[in-house]
């Protein structure tokens, strides 16, 4: 039995398990982003957990 790439098989579980638990850092990113002028690029955004929250406070 071939299991394949374990990440490909389980990546969808990351947000399901952690998205609601990992929110303590969001206020930091929001405050920092609002101090900037211009566009913001979140490198390595992964699942978009932070980027989706920043989208709500930034003009896109």
Protein backbone atom coordinates (compact mmCIF):
# COMPACT_ATOMS: atom_id res chain seq x y z
CA UNK A 1 0.00 0.00 0.00
CA UNK A 2 1.48 3.33 -1.08
CA UNK A 3 0.77 6.26 1.22
CA UNK A 4 1.95 8.92 -1.21
CA UNK A 5 3.09 12.33 -0.05
CA UNK A 6 2.00 12.70 3.56
CA UNK A 7 1.67 16.49 3.19
CA UNK A 8 -0.61 16.20 0.19
CA UNK A 9 -2.75 13.70 2.04
CA UNK A 10 -3.06 15.71 5.27
CA UNK A 11 -2.58 19.42 4.44
CA UNK A 12 -6.31 20.09 4.52
CA UNK A 13 -6.32 19.09 8.20
CA UNK A 14 -4.01 21.97 9.22
CA UNK A 15 -6.59 24.73 8.95
CA UNK A 16 -9.35 22.49 10.21
CA UNK A 17 -7.41 21.87 13.42
CA UNK A 18 -5.59 25.17 13.95
CA UNK A 19 -7.21 28.15 12.22
CA UNK A 20 -9.44 29.12 15.16
CA UNK A 21 -6.72 28.44 17.73
CA UNK A 22 -3.94 30.51 16.15
CA UNK A 23 -5.21 34.09 16.38
CA UNK A 24 -2.99 35.81 18.97
CA UNK A 25 -0.63 37.16 16.31
CA UNK A 26 -3.29 38.63 14.01
CA UNK A 27 -3.63 41.91 15.95
CA UNK A 28 0.13 42.47 15.65
CA UNK A 29 0.05 42.05 11.87
CA UNK A 30 -3.03 44.27 11.53
CA UNK A 31 -1.49 47.10 13.56
CA UNK A 32 1.82 46.86 11.71
CA UNK A 33 0.12 46.76 8.32
CA UNK A 34 -2.04 49.81 9.04
CA UNK A 35 1.12 51.83 9.80
CA UNK A 36 2.45 51.18 6.28
CA UNK A 37 1.64 53.00 3.09
CA UNK A 38 1.47 51.14 -0.16
CA UNK A 39 0.96 47.51 -0.90
CA UNK A 40 1.65 44.54 1.36
CA UNK A 41 3.01 41.21 0.21
CA UNK A 42 2.95 38.36 2.68
CA UNK A 43 5.73 36.03 1.58
CA UNK A 44 5.25 32.41 2.45
CA UNK A 45 1.59 32.92 3.30
CA UNK A 46 0.99 29.17 3.38
CA UNK A 47 -2.69 28.60 4.01
CA UNK A 48 -3.49 32.32 4.00
CA UNK A 49 -4.44 32.39 7.67
CA UNK A 50 -2.91 35.86 8.19
CA UNK A 51 -3.37 37.14 4.64
CA UNK A 52 -7.13 36.59 4.74
CA UNK A 53 -7.43 38.60 7.95
CA UNK A 54 -5.24 41.41 6.58
CA UNK A 55 -7.36 41.54 3.46
CA UNK A 56 -10.25 42.77 5.58
CA UNK A 57 -8.34 45.82 6.85
CA UNK A 58 -6.40 46.69 3.69
CA UNK A 59 -7.60 48.20 0.46
CA UNK A 60 -7.03 45.59 -2.20
